[in-house]
Amino acid sequence: MHLVPAARADRRIIDGHRVCDAIAAIGEPARVRTWADRFSLLSDPGRLALLLALHQAGPLAVSDLAVATGMNDPAVSQALRLLRAAGAVAGEKEGRVVRYRVVDPLVADLLKHCATGTD
């Protein structure tokens, strides 16, 4: 029970080795927060639809994403602003058109599972 923090050491433990395994699996709180933030990006159906479209079709402009997802242009722009701030997507300007693509490799891996239907 070497991984049990001192603040929790006085609690009743049934399977000490499993508790230590669970604590090790959880890891650092900052890492858990990072993954929770990443999953929160995917929890919104609109953002997930945008990410899936970008992942499968490659770089797309806001208006094209709006048509593909059934969202309106301002909603797509707002969602992309959040995704860009989180580092999940990036835009590349070509003249007056900005095309967005998925740049976070961990998000791309998660999208592969969504796209293939792997449950």
PDB file of N, CA and C in Angstrom:
ATOM      1  N   MET A   1       0.830  -1.193   0.000  1.00  0.00           N
ATOM      2  CA  MET A   1       0.000   0.000   0.000  1.00  0.00           C
ATOM      3  C   MET A   1       0.869   1.249   0.000  1.00  0.00           C
ATOM      4  N   HIS A   2       1.950   1.175  -0.711  1.00  0.00           N
ATOM      5  CA  HIS A   2       2.915   2.265  -0.737  1.00  0.00           C
ATOM      6  C   HIS A   2       2.441   3.484  -1.509  1.00  0.00           C
ATOM      7  N   LEU A   3       1.420   3.356  -2.365  1.00  0.00           N
ATOM      8  CA  LEU A   3       0.961   4.497  -3.150  1.00  0.00           C
ATOM      9  C   LEU A   3      -0.191   5.256  -2.497  1.00  0.00           C
ATOM     10  N   VAL A   4      -0.732   4.736  -1.409  1.00  0.00           N
ATOM     11  CA  VAL A   4      -1.846   5.411  -0.745  1.00  0.00           C
ATOM     12  C   VAL A   4      -1.321   6.667  -0.055  1.00  0.00           C
ATOM     13  N   PRO A   5      -1.858   7.829  -0.427  1.00  0.00           N
ATOM     14  CA  PRO A   5      -1.411   9.072   0.213  1.00  0.00           C
ATOM     15  C   PRO A   5      -1.683   9.033   1.717  1.00  0.00           C
ATOM     16  N   ALA A   6      -0.844   9.708   2.465  1.00  0.00           N
ATOM     17  CA  ALA A   6      -0.969   9.731   3.927  1.00  0.00           C
ATOM     18  C   ALA A   6      -2.351  10.197   4.363  1.00  0.00           C
ATOM     19  N   ALA A   7      -2.939  11.138   3.628  1.00  0.00           N
ATOM     20  CA  ALA A   7      -4.251  11.672   3.982  1.00  0.00           C
ATOM     21  C   ALA A   7      -5.354  10.615   3.877  1.00  0.00           C
ATOM     22  N   ARG A   8      -5.099   9.538   3.128  1.00  0.00           N
ATOM     23  CA  ARG A   8      -6.105   8.479   2.961  1.00  0.00           C
ATOM     24  C   ARG A   8      -5.695   7.165   3.611  1.00  0.00           C
ATOM     25  N   ALA A   9      -4.559   7.129   4.246  1.00  0.00           N
ATOM     26  CA  ALA A   9      -4.012   5.888   4.800  1.00  0.00           C
ATOM     27  C   ALA A   9      -4.846   5.311   5.942  1.00  0.00           C
ATOM     28  N   ASP A  10      -5.636   6.155   6.603  1.00  0.00           N
ATOM     29  CA  ASP A  10      -6.432   5.670   7.728  1.00  0.00           C
ATOM     30  C   ASP A  10      -7.772   5.063   7.291  1.00  0.00           C
ATOM     31  N   ARG A  11      -8.079   5.086   6.008  1.00  0.00           N
ATOM     32  CA  ARG A  11      -9.340   4.528   5.520  1.00  0.00           C
ATOM     33  C   ARG A  11      -9.257   3.013   5.400  1.00  0.00           C
ATOM     34  N   ARG A  12     -10.415   2.393   5.469  1.00  0.00           N
ATOM     35  CA  ARG A  12     -10.502   0.933   5.356  1.00  0.00           C
ATOM     36  C   ARG A  12     -10.177   0.522   3.920  1.00  0.00           C
ATOM     37  N   ILE A  13      -9.279  -0.430   3.760  1.00  0.00           N
ATOM     38  CA  ILE A  13      -8.878  -0.933   2.442  1.00  0.00           C
ATOM     39  C   ILE A  13      -9.094  -2.440   2.417  1.00  0.00           C
ATOM     40  N   ILE A  14      -9.780  -2.914   1.385  1.00  0.00           N
ATOM     41  CA  ILE A  14     -10.056  -4.344   1.242  1.00  0.00           C
ATOM     42  C   ILE A  14      -8.918  -5.034   0.486  1.00  0.00           C
ATOM     43  N   ASP A  15      -8.625  -4.536  -0.716  1.00  0.00           N
ATOM     44  CA  ASP A  15      -7.585  -5.127  -1.569  1.00  0.00           C
ATOM     45  C   ASP A  15      -6.490  -4.091  -1.804  1.00  0.00           C
ATOM     46  N   GLY A  16      -5.536  -4.066  -0.890  1.00  0.00           N
ATOM     47  CA  GLY A  16      -4.482  -3.053  -0.940  1.00  0.00           C
ATOM     48  C   GLY A  16      -3.725  -2.999  -2.242  1.00  0.00           C
ATOM     49  N   HIS A  17      -3.363  -4.158  -2.806  1.00  0.00           N
ATOM     50  CA  HIS A  17      -2.598  -4.155  -4.059  1.00  0.00           C
ATOM     51  C   HIS A  17      -3.423  -3.579  -5.203  1.00  0.00           C
ATOM     52  N   ARG A  18      -4.725  -3.819  -5.194  1.00  0.00           N
ATOM     53  CA  ARG A  18      -5.573  -3.258  -6.255  1.00  0.00           C
ATOM     54  C   ARG A  18      -5.750  -1.754  -6.074  1.00  0.00           C
ATOM     55  N   VAL A  19      -5.794  -1.307  -4.844  1.00  0.00           N
ATOM     56  CA  VAL A  19      -5.872   0.130  -4.586  1.00  0.00           C
ATOM     57  C   VAL A  19      -4.618   0.809  -5.126  1.00  0.00           C
ATOM     58  N   CYS A  20      -3.461   0.218  -4.879  1.00  0.00           N
ATOM     59  CA  CYS A  20      -2.208   0.777  -5.404  1.00  0.00           C
ATOM     60  C   CYS A  20      -2.192   0.755  -6.928  1.00  0.00           C
ATOM     61  N   ASP A  21      -2.688  -0.323  -7.530  1.00  0.00           N
ATOM     62  CA  ASP A  21      -2.778  -0.398  -8.996  1.00  0.00           C
ATOM     63  C   ASP A  21      -3.702   0.700  -9.528  1.00  0.00           C
ATOM     64  N   ALA A  22      -4.809   0.916  -8.831  1.00  0.00           N
ATOM     65  CA  ALA A  22      -5.764   1.950  -9.257  1.00  0.00           C
ATOM     66  C   ALA A  22      -5.150   3.338  -9.155  1.00  0.00           C
ATOM     67  N   ILE A  23      -4.439   3.597  -8.064  1.00  0.00           N
ATOM     68  CA  ILE A  23      -3.781   4.900  -7.889  1.00  0.00           C
ATOM     69  C   ILE A  23      -2.740   5.112  -8.983  1.00  0.00           C
ATOM     70  N   ALA A  24      -1.976   4.072  -9.299  1.00  0.00           N
ATOM     71  CA  ALA A  24      -0.972   4.172 -10.368  1.00  0.00           C
ATOM     72  C   ALA A  24      -1.638   4.420 -11.713  1.00  0.00           C
ATOM     73  N   ALA A  25      -2.770   3.759 -11.949  1.00  0.00           N
ATOM     74  CA  ALA A  25      -3.474   3.933 -13.224  1.00  0.00           C
ATOM     75  C   ALA A  25      -4.016   5.351 -13.380  1.00  0.00           C
ATOM     76  N   ILE A  26      -4.474   5.934 -12.288  1.00  0.00           N
ATOM     77  CA  ILE A  26      -5.005   7.305 -12.336  1.00  0.00           C
ATOM     78  C   ILE A  26      -3.886   8.287 -12.648  1.00  0.00           C
ATOM     79  N   GLY A  27      -2.744   8.130 -12.022  1.00  0.00           N
ATOM     80  CA  GLY A  27      -1.596   8.988 -12.302  1.00  0.00           C
ATOM     81  C   GLY A  27      -1.729  10.370 -11.697  1.00  0.00           C
ATOM     82  N   GLU A  28      -1.003  11.284 -12.275  1.00  0.00           N
ATOM     83  CA  GLU A  28      -0.950  12.654 -11.780  1.00  0.00           C
ATOM     84  C   GLU A  28      -2.254  13.399 -12.067  1.00  0.00           C
ATOM     85  N   PRO A  29      -2.719  14.211 -11.120  1.00  0.00           N
ATOM     86  CA  PRO A  29      -3.948  14.987 -11.323  1.00  0.00           C
ATOM     87  C   PRO A  29      -3.901  15.881 -12.574  1.00  0.00           C
ATOM     88  N   ALA A  30      -2.742  16.448 -12.878  1.00  0.00           N
ATOM     89  CA  ALA A  30      -2.634  17.312 -14.060  1.00  0.00           C
ATOM     90  C   ALA A  30      -2.869  16.520 -15.343  1.00  0.00           C
ATOM     91  N   ARG A  31      -2.383  15.281 -15.374  1.00  0.00           N
ATOM     92  CA  ARG A  31      -2.589  14.422 -16.538  1.00  0.00           C
ATOM     93  C   ARG A  31      -4.076  14.072 -16.683  1.00  0.00           C
ATOM     94  N   VAL A  32      -4.716  13.779 -15.568  1.00  0.00           N
ATOM     95  CA  VAL A  32      -6.150  13.475 -15.590  1.00  0.00           C
ATOM     96  C   VAL A  32      -6.926  14.684 -16.095  1.00  0.00           C
ATOM     97  N   ARG A  33      -6.561  15.882 -15.637  1.00  0.00           N
ATOM     98  CA  ARG A  33      -7.235  17.116 -16.067  1.00  0.00           C
ATOM     99  C   ARG A  33      -7.049  17.334 -17.567  1.00  0.00           C
ATOM    100  N   THR A  34      -5.848  17.088 -18.076  1.00  0.00           N
ATOM    101  CA  THR A  34      -5.584  17.259 -19.504  1.00  0.00           C
ATOM    102  C   THR A  34      -6.477  16.347 -20.339  1.00  0.00           C
ATOM    103  N   TRP A  35      -6.581  15.081 -19.918  1.00  0.00           N
ATOM    104  CA  TRP A  35      -7.440  14.141 -20.652  1.00  0.00           C
ATOM    105  C   TRP A  35      -8.911  14.507 -20.509  1.00  0.00           C
ATOM    106  N   ALA A  36      -9.328  14.958 -19.331  1.00  0.00           N
ATOM    107  CA  ALA A  36     -10.719  15.363 -19.132  1.00  0.00           C
ATOM    108  C   ALA A  36     -11.051  16.544 -20.044  1.00  0.00           C
ATOM    109  N   ASP A  37     -10.127  17.487 -20.163  1.00  0.00           N
ATOM    110  CA  ASP A  37     -10.330  18.628 -21.061  1.00  0.00           C
ATOM    111  C   ASP A  37     -10.430  18.168 -22.507  1.00  0.00           C
ATOM    112  N   ARG A  38      -9.583  17.233 -22.881  1.00  0.00           N
ATOM    113  CA  ARG A  38      -9.604  16.711 -24.255  1.00  0.00           C
ATOM    114  C   ARG A  38     -10.953  16.030 -24.534  1.00  0.00           C
ATOM    115  N   PHE A  39     -11.411  15.216 -23.587  1.00  0.00           N
ATOM    116  CA  PHE A  39     -12.702  14.539 -23.760  1.00  0.00           C
ATOM    117  C   PHE A  39     -13.851  15.538 -23.777  1.00  0.00           C
ATOM    118  N   SER A  40     -13.737  16.631 -23.035  1.00  0.00           N
ATOM    119  CA  SER A  40     -14.819  17.626 -23.042  1.00  0.00           C
ATOM    120  C   SER A  40     -14.952  18.273 -24.419  1.00  0.00           C
ATOM    121  N   LEU A  41     -13.846  18.396 -25.141  1.00  0.00           N
ATOM    122  CA  LEU A  41     -13.923  18.905 -26.512  1.00  0.00           C
ATOM    123  C   LEU A  41     -14.766  17.978 -27.386  1.00  0.00           C
ATOM    124  N   LEU A  42     -14.618  16.685 -27.140  1.00  0.00           N
ATOM    125  CA  LEU A  42     -15.323  15.686 -27.946  1.00  0.00           C
ATOM    126  C   LEU A  42     -16.748  15.448 -27.471  1.00  0.00           C
ATOM    127  N   SER A  43     -17.107  15.966 -26.299  1.00  0.00           N
ATOM    128  CA  SER A  43     -18.418  15.668 -25.732  1.00  0.00           C
ATOM    129  C   SER A  43     -19.549  16.439 -26.394  1.00  0.00           C
ATOM    130  N   ASP A  44     -19.239  17.504 -27.102  1.00  0.00           N
ATOM    131  CA  ASP A  44     -20.261  18.284 -27.791  1.00  0.00           C
ATOM    132  C   ASP A  44     -20.480  17.703 -29.182  1.00  0.00           C
ATOM    133  N   PRO A  45     -21.720  17.346 -29.528  1.00  0.00           N
ATOM    134  CA  PRO A  45     -21.972  16.726 -30.847  1.00  0.00           C
ATOM    135  C   PRO A  45     -21.533  17.591 -32.028  1.00  0.00           C
ATOM    136  N   GLY A  46     -21.701  18.893 -31.921  1.00  0.00           N
ATOM    137  CA  GLY A  46     -21.276  19.772 -33.012  1.00  0.00           C
ATOM    138  C   GLY A  46     -19.774  19.770 -33.201  1.00  0.00           C
ATOM    139  N   ARG A  47     -19.046  19.911 -32.103  1.00  0.00           N
ATOM    140  CA  ARG A  47     -17.581  19.886 -32.202  1.00  0.00           C
ATOM    141  C   ARG A  47     -17.091  18.526 -32.677  1.00  0.00           C
ATOM    142  N   LEU A  48     -17.707  17.463 -32.186  1.00  0.00           N
ATOM    143  CA  LEU A  48     -17.305  16.128 -32.616  1.00  0.00           C
ATOM    144  C   LEU A  48     -17.563  15.947 -34.106  1.00  0.00           C
ATOM    145  N   ALA A  49     -18.702  16.428 -34.578  1.00  0.00           N
ATOM    146  CA  ALA A  49     -18.999  16.334 -36.014  1.00  0.00           C
ATOM    147  C   ALA A  49     -17.957  17.095 -36.837  1.00  0.00           C
ATOM    148  N   LEU A  50     -17.581  18.284 -36.373  1.00  0.00           N
ATOM    149  CA  LEU A  50     -16.551  19.060 -37.079  1.00  0.00           C
ATOM    150  C   LEU A  50     -15.227  18.313 -37.104  1.00  0.00           C
ATOM    151  N   LEU A  51     -14.840  17.776 -35.959  1.00  0.00           N
ATOM    152  CA  LEU A  51     -13.577  17.047 -35.888  1.00  0.00           C
ATOM    153  C   LEU A  51     -13.588  15.804 -36.772  1.00  0.00           C
ATOM    154  N   LEU A  52     -14.702  15.077 -36.773  1.00  0.00           N
ATOM    155  CA  LEU A  52     -14.803  13.895 -37.639  1.00  0.00           C
ATOM    156  C   LEU A  52     -14.708  14.282 -39.109  1.00  0.00           C
ATOM    157  N   ALA A  53     -15.382  15.369 -39.486  1.00  0.00           N
ATOM    158  CA  ALA A  53     -15.328  15.836 -40.877  1.00  0.00           C
ATOM    159  C   ALA A  53     -13.899  16.214 -41.259  1.00  0.00           C
ATOM    160  N   LEU A  54     -13.231  16.953 -40.388  1.00  0.00           N
ATOM    161  CA  LEU A  54     -11.856  17.366 -40.672  1.00  0.00           C
ATOM    162  C   LEU A  54     -10.912  16.166 -40.703  1.00  0.00           C
ATOM    163  N   HIS A  55     -11.132  15.237 -39.813  1.00  0.00           N
ATOM    164  CA  HIS A  55     -10.274  14.048 -39.745  1.00  0.00           C
ATOM    165  C   HIS A  55     -10.409  13.201 -41.009  1.00  0.00           C
ATOM    166  N   GLN A  56     -11.620  13.043 -41.492  1.00  0.00           N
ATOM    167  CA  GLN A  56     -11.861  12.174 -42.649  1.00  0.00           C
ATOM    168  C   GLN A  56     -11.613  12.879 -43.987  1.00  0.00           C
ATOM    169  N   ALA A  57     -12.021  14.139 -44.084  1.00  0.00           N
ATOM    170  CA  ALA A  57     -11.985  14.823 -45.381  1.00  0.00           C
ATOM    171  C   ALA A  57     -10.766  15.714 -45.568  1.00  0.00           C
ATOM    172  N   GLY A  58     -10.045  15.972 -44.495  1.00  0.00           N
ATOM    173  CA  GLY A  58      -8.891  16.847 -44.614  1.00  0.00           C
ATOM    174  C   GLY A  58      -9.273  18.300 -44.416  1.00  0.00           C
ATOM    175  N   PRO A  59      -8.383  19.211 -44.747  1.00  0.00           N
ATOM    176  CA  PRO A  59      -8.622  20.629 -44.498  1.00  0.00           C
ATOM    177  C   PRO A  59      -9.884  21.142 -45.185  1.00  0.00           C
ATOM    178  N   LEU A  60     -10.723  21.825 -44.400  1.00  0.00           N
ATOM    179  CA  LEU A  60     -11.975  22.380 -44.911  1.00  0.00           C
ATOM    180  C   LEU A  60     -12.178  23.798 -44.385  1.00  0.00           C
ATOM    181  N   ALA A  61     -12.856  24.612 -45.176  1.00  0.00           N
ATOM    182  CA  ALA A  61     -13.197  25.976 -44.798  1.00  0.00           C
ATOM    183  C   ALA A  61     -14.480  25.981 -43.968  1.00  0.00           C
ATOM    184  N   VAL A  62     -14.718  27.074 -43.271  1.00  0.00           N
ATOM    185  CA  VAL A  62     -15.887  27.200 -42.394  1.00  0.00           C
ATOM    186  C   VAL A  62     -17.177  26.924 -43.147  1.00  0.00           C
ATOM    187  N   SER A  63     -17.357  27.533 -44.298  1.00  0.00           N
ATOM    188  CA  SER A  63     -18.615  27.351 -45.048  1.00  0.00           C
ATOM    189  C   SER A  63     -18.801  25.899 -45.480  1.00  0.00           C
ATOM    190  N   ASP A  64     -17.727  25.232 -45.871  1.00  0.00           N
ATOM    191  CA  ASP A  64     -17.819  23.823 -46.246  1.00  0.00           C
ATOM    192  C   ASP A  64     -18.156  22.948 -45.042  1.00  0.00           C
ATOM    193  N   LEU A  65     -17.562  23.274 -43.904  1.00  0.00           N
ATOM    194  CA  LEU A  65     -17.874  22.544 -42.674  1.00  0.00           C
ATOM    195  C   LEU A  65     -19.326  22.752 -42.266  1.00  0.00           C
ATOM    196  N   ALA A  66     -19.835  23.960 -42.476  1.00  0.00           N
ATOM    197  CA  ALA A  66     -21.235  24.242 -42.142  1.00  0.00           C
ATOM    198  C   ALA A  66     -22.171  23.386 -42.979  1.00  0.00           C
ATOM    199  N   VAL A  67     -21.881  23.273 -44.259  1.00  0.00           N
ATOM    200  CA  VAL A  67     -22.709  22.446 -45.144  1.00  0.00           C
ATOM    201  C   VAL A  67     -22.598  20.976 -44.743  1.00  0.00           C
ATOM    202  N   ALA A  68     -21.381  20.515 -44.481  1.00  0.00           N
ATOM    203  CA  ALA A  68     -21.158  19.104 -44.157  1.00  0.00           C
ATOM    204  C   ALA A  68     -21.839  18.696 -42.851  1.00  0.00           C
ATOM    205  N   THR A  69     -21.839  19.590 -41.862  1.00  0.00           N
ATOM    206  CA  THR A  69     -22.368  19.238 -40.546  1.00  0.00           C
ATOM    207  C   THR A  69     -23.807  19.675 -40.316  1.00  0.00           C
ATOM    208  N   GLY A  70     -24.326  20.540 -41.179  1.00  0.00           N
ATOM    209  CA  GLY A  70     -25.677  21.064 -40.982  1.00  0.00           C
ATOM    210  C   GLY A  70     -25.735  22.201 -39.974  1.00  0.00           C
ATOM    211  N   MET A  71     -24.579  22.686 -39.577  1.00  0.00           N
ATOM    212  CA  MET A  71     -24.514  23.815 -38.642  1.00  0.00           C
ATOM    213  C   MET A  71     -24.483  25.114 -39.448  1.00  0.00           C
ATOM    214  N   ASN A  72     -24.739  26.243 -38.772  1.00  0.00           N
ATOM    215  CA  ASN A  72     -24.599  27.515 -39.487  1.00  0.00           C
ATOM    216  C   ASN A  72     -23.170  28.035 -39.330  1.00  0.00           C
ATOM    217  N   ASP A  73     -22.785  28.942 -40.204  1.00  0.00           N
ATOM    218  CA  ASP A  73     -21.408  29.450 -40.224  1.00  0.00           C
ATOM    219  C   ASP A  73     -20.945  30.013 -38.868  1.00  0.00           C
ATOM    220  N   PRO A  74     -21.768  30.856 -38.190  1.00  0.00           N
ATOM    221  CA  PRO A  74     -21.304  31.383 -36.896  1.00  0.00           C
ATOM    222  C   PRO A  74     -21.079  30.274 -35.848  1.00  0.00           C
ATOM    223  N   ALA A  75     -21.916  29.250 -35.846  1.00  0.00           N
ATOM    224  CA  ALA A  75     -21.745  28.142 -34.893  1.00  0.00           C
ATOM    225  C   ALA A  75     -20.456  27.377 -35.191  1.00  0.00           C
ATOM    226  N   VAL A  76     -20.170  27.178 -36.477  1.00  0.00           N
ATOM    227  CA  VAL A  76     -18.931  26.501 -36.867  1.00  0.00           C
ATOM    228  C   VAL A  76     -17.731  27.346 -36.441  1.00  0.00           C
ATOM    229  N   SER A  77     -17.796  28.640 -36.698  1.00  0.00           N
ATOM    230  CA  SER A  77     -16.689  29.532 -36.323  1.00  0.00           C
ATOM    231  C   SER A  77     -16.449  29.514 -34.821  1.00  0.00           C
ATOM    232  N   GLN A  78     -17.528  29.556 -34.037  1.00  0.00           N
ATOM    233  CA  GLN A  78     -17.391  29.533 -32.577  1.00  0.00           C
ATOM    234  C   GLN A  78     -16.768  28.216 -32.114  1.00  0.00           C
ATOM    235  N   ALA A  79     -17.233  27.102 -32.651  1.00  0.00           N
ATOM    236  CA  ALA A  79     -16.686  25.792 -32.273  1.00  0.00           C
ATOM    237  C   ALA A  79     -15.211  25.691 -32.670  1.00  0.00           C
ATOM    238  N   LEU A  80     -14.874  26.165 -33.854  1.00  0.00           N
ATOM    239  CA  LEU A  80     -13.482  26.127 -34.297  1.00  0.00           C
ATOM    240  C   LEU A  80     -12.595  27.009 -33.428  1.00  0.00           C
ATOM    241  N   ARG A  81     -13.143  28.116 -32.941  1.00  0.00           N
ATOM    242  CA  ARG A  81     -12.382  28.989 -32.042  1.00  0.00           C
ATOM    243  C   ARG A  81     -11.992  28.214 -30.778  1.00  0.00           C
ATOM    244  N   LEU A  82     -12.942  27.469 -30.218  1.00  0.00           N
ATOM    245  CA  LEU A  82     -12.659  26.656 -29.031  1.00  0.00           C
ATOM    246  C   LEU A  82     -11.656  25.551 -29.346  1.00  0.00           C
ATOM    247  N   LEU A  83     -11.853  24.874 -30.457  1.00  0.00           N
ATOM    248  CA  LEU A  83     -10.957  23.779 -30.845  1.00  0.00           C
ATOM    249  C   LEU A  83      -9.549  24.285 -31.134  1.00  0.00           C
ATOM    250  N   ARG A  84      -9.471  25.461 -31.727  1.00  0.00           N
ATOM    251  CA  ARG A  84      -8.160  26.060 -32.006  1.00  0.00           C
ATOM    252  C   ARG A  84      -7.464  26.472 -30.708  1.00  0.00           C
ATOM    253  N   ALA A  85      -8.216  27.072 -29.784  1.00  0.00           N
ATOM    254  CA  ALA A  85      -7.642  27.489 -28.496  1.00  0.00           C
ATOM    255  C   ALA A  85      -7.134  26.287 -27.699  1.00  0.00           C
ATOM    256  N   ALA A  86      -7.789  25.141 -27.871  1.00  0.00           N
ATOM    257  CA  ALA A  86      -7.381  23.922 -27.172  1.00  0.00           C
ATOM    258  C   ALA A  86      -6.239  23.205 -27.879  1.00  0.00           C
ATOM    259  N   GLY A  87      -5.877  23.666 -29.057  1.00  0.00           N
ATOM    260  CA  GLY A  87      -4.783  23.041 -29.801  1.00  0.00           C
ATOM    261  C   GLY A  87      -5.186  21.807 -30.575  1.00  0.00           C
ATOM    262  N   ALA A  88      -6.492  21.596 -30.744  1.00  0.00           N
ATOM    263  CA  ALA A  88      -6.967  20.419 -31.473  1.00  0.00           C
ATOM    264  C   ALA A  88      -6.938  20.634 -32.983  1.00  0.00           C
ATOM    265  N   VAL A  89      -7.187  21.860 -33.425  1.00  0.00           N
ATOM    266  CA  VAL A  89      -7.177  22.170 -34.849  1.00  0.00           C
ATOM    267  C   VAL A  89      -6.327  23.406 -35.102  1.00  0.00           C
ATOM    268  N   ALA A  90      -5.942  23.576 -36.351  1.00  0.00           N
ATOM    269  CA  ALA A  90      -5.219  24.778 -36.779  1.00  0.00           C
ATOM    270  C   ALA A  90      -5.771  25.181 -38.133  1.00  0.00           C
ATOM    271  N   GLY A  91      -5.712  26.473 -38.398  1.00  0.00           N
ATOM    272  CA  GLY A  91      -6.166  26.992 -39.679  1.00  0.00           C
ATOM    273  C   GLY A  91      -4.998  27.453 -40.513  1.00  0.00           C
ATOM    274  N   GLU A  92      -5.115  27.217 -41.813  1.00  0.00           N
ATOM    275  CA  GLU A  92      -4.100  27.688 -42.750  1.00  0.00           C
ATOM    276  C   GLU A  92      -4.789  28.589 -43.765  1.00  0.00           C
ATOM    277  N   LYS A  93      -4.303  29.805 -43.848  1.00  0.00           N
ATOM    278  CA  LYS A  93      -4.915  30.798 -44.724  1.00  0.00           C
ATOM    279  C   LYS A  93      -4.360  30.679 -46.131  1.00  0.00           C
ATOM    280  N   GLU A  94      -5.260  30.614 -47.089  1.00  0.00           N
ATOM    281  CA  GLU A  94      -4.906  30.623 -48.513  1.00  0.00           C
ATOM    282  C   GLU A  94      -5.698  31.754 -49.155  1.00  0.00           C
ATOM    283  N   GLY A  95      -5.063  32.888 -49.314  1.00  0.00           N
ATOM    284  CA  GLY A  95      -5.781  34.060 -49.801  1.00  0.00           C
ATOM    285  C   GLY A  95      -6.778  34.512 -48.754  1.00  0.00           C
ATOM    286  N   ARG A  96      -8.060  34.520 -49.113  1.00  0.00           N
ATOM    287  CA  ARG A  96      -9.108  34.937 -48.177  1.00  0.00           C
ATOM    288  C   ARG A  96      -9.757  33.752 -47.471  1.00  0.00           C
ATOM    289  N   VAL A  97      -9.347  32.551 -47.814  1.00  0.00           N
ATOM    290  CA  VAL A  97      -9.969  31.344 -47.267  1.00  0.00           C
ATOM    291  C   VAL A  97      -9.049  30.714 -46.216  1.00  0.00           C
ATOM    292  N   VAL A  98      -9.642  30.348 -45.084  1.00  0.00           N
ATOM    293  CA  VAL A  98      -8.911  29.621 -44.042  1.00  0.00           C
ATOM    294  C   VAL A  98      -9.457  28.197 -44.011  1.00  0.00           C
ATOM    295  N   ARG A  99      -8.551  27.254 -44.181  1.00  0.00           N
ATOM    296  CA  ARG A  99      -8.930  25.837 -44.113  1.00  0.00           C
ATOM    297  C   ARG A  99      -8.381  25.262 -42.811  1.00  0.00           C
ATOM    298  N   TYR A 100      -9.242  24.520 -42.118  1.00  0.00           N
ATOM    299  CA  TYR A 100      -8.881  23.956 -40.817  1.00  0.00           C
ATOM    300  C   TYR A 100      -8.572  22.479 -40.943  1.00  0.00           C
ATOM    301  N   ARG A 101      -7.683  22.016 -40.051  1.00  0.00           N
ATOM    302  CA  ARG A 101      -7.337  20.596 -40.010  1.00  0.00           C
ATOM    303  C   ARG A 101      -7.059  20.193 -38.572  1.00  0.00           C
ATOM    304  N   VAL A 102      -7.164  18.911 -38.293  1.00  0.00           N
ATOM    305  CA  VAL A 102      -6.867  18.380 -36.962  1.00  0.00           C
ATOM    306  C   VAL A 102      -5.352  18.316 -36.812  1.00  0.00           C
ATOM    307  N   VAL A 103      -4.829  18.878 -35.709  1.00  0.00           N
ATOM    308  CA  VAL A 103      -3.379  18.879 -35.486  1.00  0.00           C
ATOM    309  C   VAL A 103      -2.963  18.145 -34.212  1.00  0.00           C
ATOM    310  N   ASP A 104      -3.896  17.855 -33.323  1.00  0.00           N
ATOM    311  CA  ASP A 104      -3.567  17.143 -32.088  1.00  0.00           C
ATOM    312  C   ASP A 104      -3.554  15.649 -32.392  1.00  0.00           C
ATOM    313  N   PRO A 105      -2.394  14.999 -32.322  1.00  0.00           N
ATOM    314  CA  PRO A 105      -2.319  13.575 -32.673  1.00  0.00           C
ATOM    315  C   PRO A 105      -3.146  12.679 -31.743  1.00  0.00           C
ATOM    316  N   LEU A 106      -3.284  13.064 -30.491  1.00  0.00           N
ATOM    317  CA  LEU A 106      -4.088  12.259 -29.572  1.00  0.00           C
ATOM    318  C   LEU A 106      -5.572  12.357 -29.908  1.00  0.00           C
ATOM    319  N   VAL A 107      -6.028  13.545 -30.282  1.00  0.00           N
ATOM    320  CA  VAL A 107      -7.416  13.706 -30.732  1.00  0.00           C
ATOM    321  C   VAL A 107      -7.621  12.920 -32.020  1.00  0.00           C
ATOM    322  N   ALA A 108      -6.655  12.974 -32.916  1.00  0.00           N
ATOM    323  CA  ALA A 108      -6.758  12.219 -34.172  1.00  0.00           C
ATOM    324  C   ALA A 108      -6.885  10.728 -33.897  1.00  0.00           C
ATOM    325  N   ASP A 109      -6.130  10.206 -32.931  1.00  0.00           N
ATOM    326  CA  ASP A 109      -6.249   8.790 -32.572  1.00  0.00           C
ATOM    327  C   ASP A 109      -7.637   8.460 -32.047  1.00  0.00           C
ATOM    328  N   LEU A 110      -8.186   9.333 -31.203  1.00  0.00           N
ATOM    329  CA  LEU A 110      -9.540   9.114 -30.694  1.00  0.00           C
ATOM    330  C   LEU A 110     -10.564   9.144 -31.828  1.00  0.00           C
ATOM    331  N   LEU A 111     -10.369  10.049 -32.784  1.00  0.00           N
ATOM    332  CA  LEU A 111     -11.291  10.161 -33.919  1.00  0.00           C
ATOM    333  C   LEU A 111     -11.246   8.917 -34.807  1.00  0.00           C
ATOM    334  N   LYS A 112     -10.078   8.285 -34.897  1.00  0.00           N
ATOM    335  CA  LYS A 112      -9.974   7.038 -35.664  1.00  0.00           C
ATOM    336  C   LYS A 112     -10.938   6.002 -35.120  1.00  0.00           C
ATOM    337  N   HIS A 113     -11.031   5.911 -33.794  1.00  0.00           N
ATOM    338  CA  HIS A 113     -11.943   4.961 -33.175  1.00  0.00           C
ATOM    339  C   HIS A 113     -13.392   5.311 -33.466  1.00  0.00           C
ATOM    340  N   CYS A 114     -13.715   6.610 -33.460  1.00  0.00           N
ATOM    341  CA  CYS A 114     -15.072   7.055 -33.774  1.00  0.00           C
ATOM    342  C   CYS A 114     -15.406   6.753 -35.228  1.00  0.00           C
ATOM    343  N   ALA A 115     -14.472   7.031 -36.105  1.00  0.00           N
ATOM    344  CA  ALA A 115     -14.715   6.896 -37.536  1.00  0.00           C
ATOM    345  C   ALA A 115     -14.847   5.422 -37.964  1.00  0.00           C
ATOM    346  N   THR A 116     -14.125   4.539 -37.297  1.00  0.00           N
ATOM    347  CA  THR A 116     -14.175   3.122 -37.693  1.00  0.00           C
ATOM    348  C   THR A 116     -15.317   2.392 -37.026  1.00  0.00           C
ATOM    349  N   GLY A 117     -15.988   3.064 -36.095  1.00  0.00           N
ATOM    350  CA  GLY A 117     -17.088   2.409 -35.398  1.00  0.00           C
ATOM    351  C   GLY A 117     -16.644   1.496 -34.290  1.00  0.00           C
ATOM    352  N   THR A 118     -15.358   1.577 -33.919  1.00  0.00           N
ATOM    353  CA  THR A 118     -14.844   0.755 -32.825  1.00  0.00           C
ATOM    354  C   THR A 118     -15.454   1.239 -31.526  1.00  0.00           C
ATOM    355  N   ASP A 119     -16.119   0.359 -30.818  1.00  0.00           N
ATOM    356  CA  ASP A 119     -16.754   0.755 -29.558  1.00  0.00           C
ATOM    357  C   ASP A 119     -15.887   0.426 -28.374  1.00  0.00           C
TER     358      ASP A 119
END
